[in-house]
């Protein structure tokens, strides 16, 4: 079965969307700390964001320092790759 790899633009879109959701939920939970469904929603988006960041690092280079220090991003080769805005 052929692996369906997401494009750089698709991954950036996903990362931006879930990052916005995480930030928004973080603000909401500051004033509603007992909202369990909001906490579950945020945890799910955090998981999706982490997976997307790892996938991005594997194919296109790391976006964060957390994904820069893993086996799939070829160590410090990331500094030689195009920057995300290029």
PDB file of N, CA and C in Angstrom:
ATOM      1  N   UNK A   1       0.827  -1.176   0.000  1.00  0.00           N
ATOM      2  CA  UNK A   1       0.000   0.000   0.000  1.00  0.00           C
ATOM      3  C   UNK A   1       0.877   1.247   0.000  1.00  0.00           C
ATOM      4  N   UNK A   2       0.578   2.192  -0.872  1.00  0.00           N
ATOM      5  CA  UNK A   2       1.367   3.398  -1.006  1.00  0.00           C
ATOM      6  C   UNK A   2       1.065   4.376   0.135  1.00  0.00           C
ATOM      7  N   UNK A   3       2.125   4.918   0.716  1.00  0.00           N
ATOM      8  CA  UNK A   3       1.978   5.883   1.796  1.00  0.00           C
ATOM      9  C   UNK A   3       1.559   7.227   1.216  1.00  0.00           C
ATOM     10  N   UNK A   4       0.570   7.838   1.812  1.00  0.00           N
ATOM     11  CA  UNK A   4       0.076   9.136   1.367  1.00  0.00           C
ATOM     12  C   UNK A   4       0.707  10.207   2.259  1.00  0.00           C
ATOM     13  N   UNK A   5       1.748  10.835   1.755  1.00  0.00           N
ATOM     14  CA  UNK A   5       2.455  11.851   2.532  1.00  0.00           C
ATOM     15  C   UNK A   5       1.835  13.221   2.276  1.00  0.00           C
ATOM     16  N   UNK A   6       1.606  13.965   3.359  1.00  0.00           N
ATOM     17  CA  UNK A   6       1.058  15.309   3.235  1.00  0.00           C
ATOM     18  C   UNK A   6       2.128  16.268   2.752  1.00  0.00           C
ATOM     19  N   UNK A   7       1.712  17.248   1.993  1.00  0.00           N
ATOM     20  CA  UNK A   7       2.649  18.251   1.493  1.00  0.00           C
ATOM     21  C   UNK A   7       3.079  19.179   2.627  1.00  0.00           C
ATOM     22  N   UNK A   8       4.126  19.930   2.354  1.00  0.00           N
ATOM     23  CA  UNK A   8       4.625  20.902   3.315  1.00  0.00           C
ATOM     24  C   UNK A   8       3.528  21.908   3.661  1.00  0.00           C
ATOM     25  N   UNK A   9       2.826  22.394   2.660  1.00  0.00           N
ATOM     26  CA  UNK A   9       1.752  23.373   2.878  1.00  0.00           C
ATOM     27  C   UNK A   9       0.608  22.769   3.686  1.00  0.00           C
ATOM     28  N   UNK A  10       0.262  21.519   3.414  1.00  0.00           N
ATOM     29  CA  UNK A  10      -0.817  20.865   4.162  1.00  0.00           C
ATOM     30  C   UNK A  10      -0.448  20.721   5.633  1.00  0.00           C
ATOM     31  N   UNK A  11       0.790  20.313   5.891  1.00  0.00           N
ATOM     32  CA  UNK A  11       1.228  20.162   7.280  1.00  0.00           C
ATOM     33  C   UNK A  11       1.288  21.505   7.999  1.00  0.00           C
ATOM     34  N   UNK A  12       1.782  22.547   7.308  1.00  0.00           N
ATOM     35  CA  UNK A  12       1.822  23.867   7.934  1.00  0.00           C
ATOM     36  C   UNK A  12       0.420  24.357   8.261  1.00  0.00           C
ATOM     37  N   UNK A  13      -0.526  24.100   7.366  1.00  0.00           N
ATOM     38  CA  UNK A  13      -1.915  24.495   7.614  1.00  0.00           C
ATOM     39  C   UNK A  13      -2.460  23.772   8.850  1.00  0.00           C
ATOM     40  N   UNK A  14      -2.226  22.475   8.918  1.00  0.00           N
ATOM     41  CA  UNK A  14      -2.691  21.694  10.071  1.00  0.00           C
ATOM     42  C   UNK A  14      -2.049  22.194  11.360  1.00  0.00           C
ATOM     43  N   UNK A  15      -0.745  22.414  11.344  1.00  0.00           N
ATOM     44  CA  UNK A  15      -0.028  22.885  12.530  1.00  0.00           C
ATOM     45  C   UNK A  15      -0.573  24.240  12.973  1.00  0.00           C
ATOM     46  N   UNK A  16      -0.802  25.138  12.029  1.00  0.00           N
ATOM     47  CA  UNK A  16      -1.346  26.455  12.367  1.00  0.00           C
ATOM     48  C   UNK A  16      -2.743  26.347  12.958  1.00  0.00           C
ATOM     49  N   UNK A  17      -3.579  25.503  12.371  1.00  0.00           N
ATOM     50  CA  UNK A  17      -4.954  25.352  12.856  1.00  0.00           C
ATOM     51  C   UNK A  17      -5.002  24.786  14.274  1.00  0.00           C
ATOM     52  N   UNK A  18      -4.276  23.693  14.496  1.00  0.00           N
ATOM     53  CA  UNK A  18      -4.335  23.090  15.833  1.00  0.00           C
ATOM     54  C   UNK A  18      -3.602  23.941  16.861  1.00  0.00           C
ATOM     55  N   UNK A  19      -2.571  24.669  16.448  1.00  0.00           N
ATOM     56  CA  UNK A  19      -1.884  25.581  17.370  1.00  0.00           C
ATOM     57  C   UNK A  19      -2.831  26.690  17.817  1.00  0.00           C
ATOM     58  N   UNK A  20      -3.608  27.213  16.884  1.00  0.00           N
ATOM     59  CA  UNK A  20      -4.602  28.233  17.232  1.00  0.00           C
ATOM     60  C   UNK A  20      -5.609  27.667  18.229  1.00  0.00           C
ATOM     61  N   UNK A  21      -6.090  26.458  17.967  1.00  0.00           N
ATOM     62  CA  UNK A  21      -7.063  25.831  18.862  1.00  0.00           C
ATOM     63  C   UNK A  21      -6.481  25.621  20.254  1.00  0.00           C
ATOM     64  N   UNK A  22      -5.235  25.168  20.327  1.00  0.00           N
ATOM     65  CA  UNK A  22      -4.585  24.954  21.625  1.00  0.00           C
ATOM     66  C   UNK A  22      -4.452  26.274  22.378  1.00  0.00           C
ATOM     67  N   UNK A  23      -3.992  27.316  21.688  1.00  0.00           N
ATOM     68  CA  UNK A  23      -3.845  28.618  22.344  1.00  0.00           C
ATOM     69  C   UNK A  23      -5.189  29.159  22.812  1.00  0.00           C
ATOM     70  N   UNK A  24      -6.201  29.024  21.971  1.00  0.00           N
ATOM     71  CA  UNK A  24      -7.529  29.508  22.315  1.00  0.00           C
ATOM     72  C   UNK A  24      -8.090  28.756  23.524  1.00  0.00           C
ATOM     73  N   UNK A  25      -7.932  27.442  23.529  1.00  0.00           N
ATOM     74  CA  UNK A  25      -8.432  26.649  24.646  1.00  0.00           C
ATOM     75  C   UNK A  25      -7.652  26.939  25.925  1.00  0.00           C
ATOM     76  N   UNK A  26      -6.387  27.235  25.792  1.00  0.00           N
ATOM     77  CA  UNK A  26      -5.583  27.594  26.957  1.00  0.00           C
ATOM     78  C   UNK A  26      -6.147  28.848  27.619  1.00  0.00           C
ATOM     79  N   UNK A  27      -6.495  29.835  26.808  1.00  0.00           N
ATOM     80  CA  UNK A  27      -7.108  31.055  27.350  1.00  0.00           C
ATOM     81  C   UNK A  27      -8.462  30.759  27.988  1.00  0.00           C
ATOM     82  N   UNK A  28      -9.260  29.950  27.310  1.00  0.00           N
ATOM     83  CA  UNK A  28     -10.577  29.591  27.839  1.00  0.00           C
ATOM     84  C   UNK A  28     -10.447  28.873  29.182  1.00  0.00           C
ATOM     85  N   UNK A  29      -9.509  27.943  29.253  1.00  0.00           N
ATOM     86  CA  UNK A  29      -9.350  27.164  30.480  1.00  0.00           C
ATOM     87  C   UNK A  29      -8.793  27.994  31.641  1.00  0.00           C
ATOM     88  N   UNK A  30      -8.180  29.139  31.331  1.00  0.00           N
ATOM     89  CA  UNK A  30      -7.758  30.045  32.404  1.00  0.00           C
ATOM     90  C   UNK A  30      -8.950  30.515  33.218  1.00  0.00           C
ATOM     91  N   UNK A  31     -10.096  30.671  32.561  1.00  0.00           N
ATOM     92  CA  UNK A  31     -11.287  31.158  33.250  1.00  0.00           C
ATOM     93  C   UNK A  31     -12.322  30.070  33.515  1.00  0.00           C
ATOM     94  N   UNK A  32     -12.118  28.888  32.925  1.00  0.00           N
ATOM     95  CA  UNK A  32     -13.039  27.759  33.111  1.00  0.00           C
ATOM     96  C   UNK A  32     -12.238  26.476  33.393  1.00  0.00           C
ATOM     97  N   UNK A  33     -11.475  26.459  34.466  1.00  0.00           N
ATOM     98  CA  UNK A  33     -10.564  25.334  34.714  1.00  0.00           C
ATOM     99  C   UNK A  33     -11.241  23.991  34.970  1.00  0.00           C
ATOM    100  N   UNK A  34     -12.523  23.994  35.260  1.00  0.00           N
ATOM    101  CA  UNK A  34     -13.217  22.739  35.552  1.00  0.00           C
ATOM    102  C   UNK A  34     -13.958  22.161  34.353  1.00  0.00           C
ATOM    103  N   UNK A  35     -13.797  22.764  33.180  1.00  0.00           N
ATOM    104  CA  UNK A  35     -14.496  22.299  31.976  1.00  0.00           C
ATOM    105  C   UNK A  35     -13.742  21.097  31.395  1.00  0.00           C
ATOM    106  N   UNK A  36     -14.196  19.912  31.762  1.00  0.00           N
ATOM    107  CA  UNK A  36     -13.507  18.682  31.355  1.00  0.00           C
ATOM    108  C   UNK A  36     -13.553  18.454  29.846  1.00  0.00           C
ATOM    109  N   UNK A  37     -14.637  18.792  29.201  1.00  0.00           N
ATOM    110  CA  UNK A  37     -14.718  18.592  27.752  1.00  0.00           C
ATOM    111  C   UNK A  37     -13.754  19.528  27.022  1.00  0.00           C
ATOM    112  N   UNK A  38     -13.571  20.747  27.543  1.00  0.00           N
ATOM    113  CA  UNK A  38     -12.602  21.672  26.950  1.00  0.00           C
ATOM    114  C   UNK A  38     -11.180  21.142  27.135  1.00  0.00           C
ATOM    115  N   UNK A  39     -10.918  20.570  28.297  1.00  0.00           N
ATOM    116  CA  UNK A  39      -9.587  20.002  28.559  1.00  0.00           C
ATOM    117  C   UNK A  39      -9.317  18.820  27.632  1.00  0.00           C
ATOM    118  N   UNK A  40     -10.307  17.969  27.430  1.00  0.00           N
ATOM    119  CA  UNK A  40     -10.148  16.831  26.518  1.00  0.00           C
ATOM    120  C   UNK A  40      -9.920  17.314  25.082  1.00  0.00           C
ATOM    121  N   UNK A  41     -10.671  18.326  24.686  1.00  0.00           N
ATOM    122  CA  UNK A  41     -10.506  18.905  23.350  1.00  0.00           C
ATOM    123  C   UNK A  41      -9.086  19.426  23.177  1.00  0.00           C
ATOM    124  N   UNK A  42      -8.599  20.176  24.175  1.00  0.00           N
ATOM    125  CA  UNK A  42      -7.250  20.730  24.092  1.00  0.00           C
ATOM    126  C   UNK A  42      -6.199  19.625  24.050  1.00  0.00           C
ATOM    127  N   UNK A  43      -6.351  18.611  24.865  1.00  0.00           N
ATOM    128  CA  UNK A  43      -5.391  17.497  24.883  1.00  0.00           C
ATOM    129  C   UNK A  43      -5.353  16.788  23.532  1.00  0.00           C
ATOM    130  N   UNK A  44      -6.517  16.623  22.912  1.00  0.00           N
ATOM    131  CA  UNK A  44      -6.572  16.005  21.589  1.00  0.00           C
ATOM    132  C   UNK A  44      -5.836  16.860  20.560  1.00  0.00           C
ATOM    133  N   UNK A  45      -6.027  18.178  20.612  1.00  0.00           N
ATOM    134  CA  UNK A  45      -5.353  19.081  19.666  1.00  0.00           C
ATOM    135  C   UNK A  45      -3.851  19.124  19.922  1.00  0.00           C
ATOM    136  N   UNK A  46      -3.453  19.028  21.176  1.00  0.00           N
ATOM    137  CA  UNK A  46      -2.021  18.970  21.492  1.00  0.00           C
ATOM    138  C   UNK A  46      -1.400  17.718  20.880  1.00  0.00           C
ATOM    139  N   UNK A  47      -2.086  16.591  21.000  1.00  0.00           N
ATOM    140  CA  UNK A  47      -1.589  15.340  20.425  1.00  0.00           C
ATOM    141  C   UNK A  47      -1.458  15.460  18.901  1.00  0.00           C
ATOM    142  N   UNK A  48      -2.477  16.010  18.259  1.00  0.00           N
ATOM    143  CA  UNK A  48      -2.444  16.180  16.804  1.00  0.00           C
ATOM    144  C   UNK A  48      -1.295  17.105  16.410  1.00  0.00           C
ATOM    145  N   UNK A  49      -1.098  18.179  17.168  1.00  0.00           N
ATOM    146  CA  UNK A  49      -0.023  19.128  16.883  1.00  0.00           C
ATOM    147  C   UNK A  49       1.343  18.462  16.998  1.00  0.00           C
ATOM    148  N   UNK A  50       1.542  17.687  18.061  1.00  0.00           N
ATOM    149  CA  UNK A  50       2.825  16.998  18.244  1.00  0.00           C
ATOM    150  C   UNK A  50       3.106  16.030  17.104  1.00  0.00           C
ATOM    151  N   UNK A  51       2.089  15.281  16.691  1.00  0.00           N
ATOM    152  CA  UNK A  51       2.253  14.345  15.579  1.00  0.00           C
ATOM    153  C   UNK A  51       2.567  15.082  14.281  1.00  0.00           C
ATOM    154  N   UNK A  52       1.881  16.187  14.043  1.00  0.00           N
ATOM    155  CA  UNK A  52       2.120  16.968  12.822  1.00  0.00           C
ATOM    156  C   UNK A  52       3.520  17.582  12.831  1.00  0.00           C
ATOM    157  N   UNK A  53       3.963  18.065  13.982  1.00  0.00           N
ATOM    158  CA  UNK A  53       5.314  18.625  14.076  1.00  0.00           C
ATOM    159  C   UNK A  53       6.371  17.552  13.819  1.00  0.00           C
ATOM    160  N   UNK A  54       6.153  16.349  14.329  1.00  0.00           N
ATOM    161  CA  UNK A  54       7.094  15.253  14.080  1.00  0.00           C
ATOM    162  C   UNK A  54       7.110  14.862  12.612  1.00  0.00           C
ATOM    163  N   UNK A  55       5.924  14.799  12.007  1.00  0.00           N
ATOM    164  CA  UNK A  55       5.840  14.464  10.580  1.00  0.00           C
ATOM    165  C   UNK A  55       6.523  15.548   9.742  1.00  0.00           C
ATOM    166  N   UNK A  56       6.285  16.796  10.080  1.00  0.00           N
ATOM    167  CA  UNK A  56       6.922  17.896   9.356  1.00  0.00           C
ATOM    168  C   UNK A  56       8.442  17.787   9.473  1.00  0.00           C
ATOM    169  N   UNK A  57       8.944  17.544  10.691  1.00  0.00           N
ATOM    170  CA  UNK A  57      10.390  17.430  10.913  1.00  0.00           C
ATOM    171  C   UNK A  57      10.987  16.282  10.112  1.00  0.00           C
ATOM    172  N   UNK A  58      10.253  15.191  10.021  1.00  0.00           N
ATOM    173  CA  UNK A  58      10.754  14.025   9.309  1.00  0.00           C
ATOM    174  C   UNK A  58      10.968  14.313   7.818  1.00  0.00           C
ATOM    175  N   UNK A  59      10.053  15.043   7.208  1.00  0.00           N
ATOM    176  CA  UNK A  59      10.107  15.257   5.764  1.00  0.00           C
ATOM    177  C   UNK A  59      10.675  16.609   5.347  1.00  0.00           C
ATOM    178  N   UNK A  60      10.522  17.638   6.185  1.00  0.00           N
ATOM    179  CA  UNK A  60      10.871  18.986   5.747  1.00  0.00           C
ATOM    180  C   UNK A  60      11.808  19.733   6.688  1.00  0.00           C
ATOM    181  N   UNK A  61      12.166  19.129   7.812  1.00  0.00           N
ATOM    182  CA  UNK A  61      13.025  19.781   8.788  1.00  0.00           C
ATOM    183  C   UNK A  61      12.205  20.290   9.966  1.00  0.00           C
ATOM    184  N   UNK A  62      12.826  20.426  11.127  1.00  0.00           N
ATOM    185  CA  UNK A  62      12.094  20.797  12.338  1.00  0.00           C
ATOM    186  C   UNK A  62      11.635  22.252  12.336  1.00  0.00           C
ATOM    187  N   UNK A  63      10.488  22.478  12.950  1.00  0.00           N
ATOM    188  CA  UNK A  63       9.964  23.830  13.152  1.00  0.00           C
ATOM    189  C   UNK A  63      10.217  24.326  14.562  1.00  0.00           C
ATOM    190  N   UNK A  64      10.417  23.409  15.486  1.00  0.00           N
ATOM    191  CA  UNK A  64      10.643  23.771  16.884  1.00  0.00           C
ATOM    192  C   UNK A  64      11.892  23.062  17.390  1.00  0.00           C
ATOM    193  N   UNK A  65      12.425  23.550  18.478  1.00  0.00           N
ATOM    194  CA  UNK A  65      13.609  22.928  19.063  1.00  0.00           C
ATOM    195  C   UNK A  65      13.305  21.513  19.539  1.00  0.00           C
ATOM    196  N   UNK A  66      12.073  21.274  19.936  1.00  0.00           N
ATOM    197  CA  UNK A  66      11.681  19.944  20.400  1.00  0.00           C
ATOM    198  C   UNK A  66      11.844  18.908  19.293  1.00  0.00           C
ATOM    199  N   UNK A  67      11.494  19.259  18.073  1.00  0.00           N
ATOM    200  CA  UNK A  67      11.613  18.303  16.970  1.00  0.00           C
ATOM    201  C   UNK A  67      12.975  18.379  16.284  1.00  0.00           C
ATOM    202  N   UNK A  68      13.843  19.268  16.742  1.00  0.00           N
ATOM    203  CA  UNK A  68      15.184  19.358  16.162  1.00  0.00           C
ATOM    204  C   UNK A  68      16.111  18.296  16.725  1.00  0.00           C
ATOM    205  N   UNK A  69      15.780  17.770  17.882  1.00  0.00           N
ATOM    206  CA  UNK A  69      16.647  16.806  18.555  1.00  0.00           C
ATOM    207  C   UNK A  69      16.020  15.421  18.530  1.00  0.00           C
ATOM    208  N   UNK A  70      15.801  14.903  17.327  1.00  0.00           N
ATOM    209  CA  UNK A  70      15.267  13.555  17.196  1.00  0.00           C
ATOM    210  C   UNK A  70      15.990  12.831  16.062  1.00  0.00           C
ATOM    211  N   UNK A  71      15.737  11.566  15.953  1.00  0.00           N
ATOM    212  CA  UNK A  71      16.426  10.755  14.958  1.00  0.00           C
ATOM    213  C   UNK A  71      15.957  11.014  13.533  1.00  0.00           C
ATOM    214  N   UNK A  72      14.715  11.463  13.365  1.00  0.00           N
ATOM    215  CA  UNK A  72      14.174  11.568  12.017  1.00  0.00           C
ATOM    216  C   UNK A  72      14.517  12.870  11.311  1.00  0.00           C
ATOM    217  N   UNK A  73      15.106  13.845  11.981  1.00  0.00           N
ATOM    218  CA  UNK A  73      15.382  15.113  11.312  1.00  0.00           C
ATOM    219  C   UNK A  73      16.859  15.296  10.952  1.00  0.00           C
ATOM    220  N   UNK A  74      17.628  14.220  10.977  1.00  0.00           N
ATOM    221  CA  UNK A  74      19.028  14.245  10.561  1.00  0.00           C
ATOM    222  C   UNK A  74      19.889  15.219  11.352  1.00  0.00           C
ATOM    223  N   UNK A  75      19.726  15.194  12.655  1.00  0.00           N
ATOM    224  CA  UNK A  75      20.550  15.965  13.566  1.00  0.00           C
ATOM    225  C   UNK A  75      20.534  17.453  13.220  1.00  0.00           C
ATOM    226  N   UNK A  76      21.700  18.039  13.016  1.00  0.00           N
ATOM    227  CA  UNK A  76      21.784  19.482  12.797  1.00  0.00           C
ATOM    228  C   UNK A  76      21.699  19.869  11.319  1.00  0.00           C
ATOM    229  N   UNK A  77      21.355  18.942  10.453  1.00  0.00           N
ATOM    230  CA  UNK A  77      21.190  19.269   9.034  1.00  0.00           C
ATOM    231  C   UNK A  77      20.054  20.251   8.805  1.00  0.00           C
ATOM    232  N   UNK A  78      19.194  20.415   9.789  1.00  0.00           N
ATOM    233  CA  UNK A  78      18.040  21.296   9.635  1.00  0.00           C
ATOM    234  C   UNK A  78      18.433  22.736   9.341  1.00  0.00           C
ATOM    235  N   UNK A  79      19.611  23.170   9.781  1.00  0.00           N
ATOM    236  CA  UNK A  79      20.008  24.556   9.537  1.00  0.00           C
ATOM    237  C   UNK A  79      20.342  24.808   8.075  1.00  0.00           C
ATOM    238  N   UNK A  80      20.570  23.745   7.317  1.00  0.00           N
ATOM    239  CA  UNK A  80      20.901  23.878   5.905  1.00  0.00           C
ATOM    240  C   UNK A  80      19.659  23.831   5.008  1.00  0.00           C
ATOM    241  N   UNK A  81      18.520  23.545   5.572  1.00  0.00           N
ATOM    242  CA  UNK A  81      17.288  23.424   4.797  1.00  0.00           C
ATOM    243  C   UNK A  81      16.618  24.788   4.684  1.00  0.00           C
ATOM    244  N   UNK A  82      15.703  24.942   3.710  1.00  0.00           N
ATOM    245  CA  UNK A  82      14.974  26.211   3.616  1.00  0.00           C
ATOM    246  C   UNK A  82      14.159  26.458   4.880  1.00  0.00           C
ATOM    247  N   UNK A  83      14.066  27.694   5.268  1.00  0.00           N
ATOM    248  CA  UNK A  83      13.264  28.055   6.420  1.00  0.00           C
ATOM    249  C   UNK A  83      11.785  27.920   6.079  1.00  0.00           C
ATOM    250  N   UNK A  84      10.914  27.743   7.059  1.00  0.00           N
ATOM    251  CA  UNK A  84       9.490  27.508   6.774  1.00  0.00           C
ATOM    252  C   UNK A  84       8.850  28.594   5.907  1.00  0.00           C
ATOM    253  N   UNK A  85       9.330  29.822   6.007  1.00  0.00           N
ATOM    254  CA  UNK A  85       8.718  30.900   5.231  1.00  0.00           C
ATOM    255  C   UNK A  85       9.320  31.037   3.835  1.00  0.00           C
ATOM    256  N   UNK A  86      10.327  30.241   3.535  1.00  0.00           N
ATOM    257  CA  UNK A  86      10.947  30.293   2.203  1.00  0.00           C
ATOM    258  C   UNK A  86      10.222  29.421   1.218  1.00  0.00           C
TER     259      UNK A  86
END
